């Protein structure tokens, strides 16, 4: 299994409106932290999630979190 590219070694702070989102799992997207389908041709797939109300999130930038798509501090050990 290939490892994802580390997009950045810190989370992305984003305020999201209610709706559906696709988080980049491969690290190749040019629209980080969201998927732009750059994973096509790889084993990676986007991780879809839904937001119920406007909320600020810290989305993982290193792609190594155990709580995807949310940051759990794993980047501190990379």
Protein backbone atom coordinates (compact mmCIF):
# COMPACT_ATOMS: atom_id res chain seq x y z
CA UNK A 1 0.00 0.00 0.00
CA UNK A 2 1.33 3.41 -0.95
CA UNK A 3 1.58 6.11 1.67
CA UNK A 4 -0.08 9.44 1.00
CA UNK A 5 1.93 12.57 0.21
CA UNK A 6 2.24 14.89 3.20
CA UNK A 7 0.50 18.04 1.98
CA UNK A 8 1.65 19.99 5.06
CA UNK A 9 2.79 19.20 8.59
CA UNK A 10 -0.02 21.12 10.25
CA UNK A 11 -3.79 21.11 10.07
CA UNK A 12 -5.95 23.25 7.81
CA UNK A 13 -8.26 25.50 9.83
CA UNK A 14 -11.49 25.78 7.87
CA UNK A 15 -14.94 27.11 8.66
CA UNK A 16 -17.47 25.02 6.78
CA UNK A 17 -21.09 25.68 5.99
CA UNK A 18 -23.68 22.89 6.16
CA UNK A 19 -23.19 20.49 3.27
CA UNK A 20 -21.21 17.56 1.91
CA UNK A 21 -17.43 17.64 1.50
CA UNK A 22 -14.70 15.35 0.16
CA UNK A 23 -11.38 15.36 2.07
CA UNK A 24 -8.20 14.55 0.15
CA UNK A 25 -6.60 11.32 1.39
CA UNK A 26 -3.72 11.13 -1.12
CA UNK A 27 -2.09 14.52 -0.50
CA UNK A 28 -1.94 15.29 -4.24
CA UNK A 29 -4.91 17.67 -4.51
CA UNK A 30 -4.23 21.27 -5.50
CA UNK A 31 -7.33 22.28 -3.47
CA UNK A 32 -6.09 21.06 -0.06
CA UNK A 33 -7.52 19.89 2.21
CA UNK A 34 -10.29 18.96 -0.21
CA UNK A 35 -10.25 16.45 -3.04
CA UNK A 36 -9.85 17.57 -6.66
CA UNK A 37 -9.65 13.98 -8.03
CA UNK A 38 -5.83 14.08 -8.31
CA UNK A 39 -5.88 10.56 -6.85
CA UNK A 40 -7.24 9.09 -10.12
CA UNK A 41 -5.08 6.14 -11.12
CA UNK A 42 -3.96 5.48 -7.53
CA UNK A 43 -5.41 3.29 -4.78
CA UNK A 44 -6.67 6.37 -2.88
CA UNK A 45 -10.26 7.60 -2.69
CA UNK A 46 -11.63 10.78 -1.18
CA UNK A 47 -13.20 10.63 2.25
CA UNK A 48 -16.70 12.09 2.14
CA UNK A 49 -18.20 13.76 5.19
CA UNK A 50 -21.16 15.97 5.98
CA UNK A 51 -21.42 19.12 8.09
CA UNK A 52 -24.73 19.78 9.86
CA UNK A 53 -24.12 23.38 10.97
CA UNK A 54 -21.49 26.06 10.40
CA UNK A 55 -18.43 24.90 12.32
CA UNK A 56 -14.69 25.55 12.37
CA UNK A 57 -12.64 22.39 11.92
CA UNK A 58 -8.96 21.49 11.88
CA UNK A 59 -8.63 19.10 8.94
CA UNK A 60 -5.54 16.92 8.73
CA UNK A 61 -2.80 18.15 6.39
CA UNK A 62 -0.29 15.32 6.88
CA UNK A 63 -2.80 12.61 5.82
CA UNK A 64 -1.59 10.34 8.67
CA UNK A 65 -4.33 11.06 11.25
CA UNK A 66 -6.22 8.27 12.94
CA UNK A 67 -9.34 10.44 13.11
CA UNK A 68 -9.76 11.37 9.43
CA UNK A 69 -10.55 13.90 8.20
CA UNK A 70 -9.80 15.64 11.48
CA UNK A 71 -6.33 16.43 12.85
CA UNK A 72 -5.27 14.42 15.91
CA UNK A 73 -1.74 15.82 16.22
CA UNK A 74 0.03 13.01 14.35
CA UNK A 75 1.96 15.65 12.35
CA UNK A 76 3.92 16.44 15.52
CA UNK A 77 5.70 13.08 15.27
CA UNK A 78 6.61 13.27 11.55
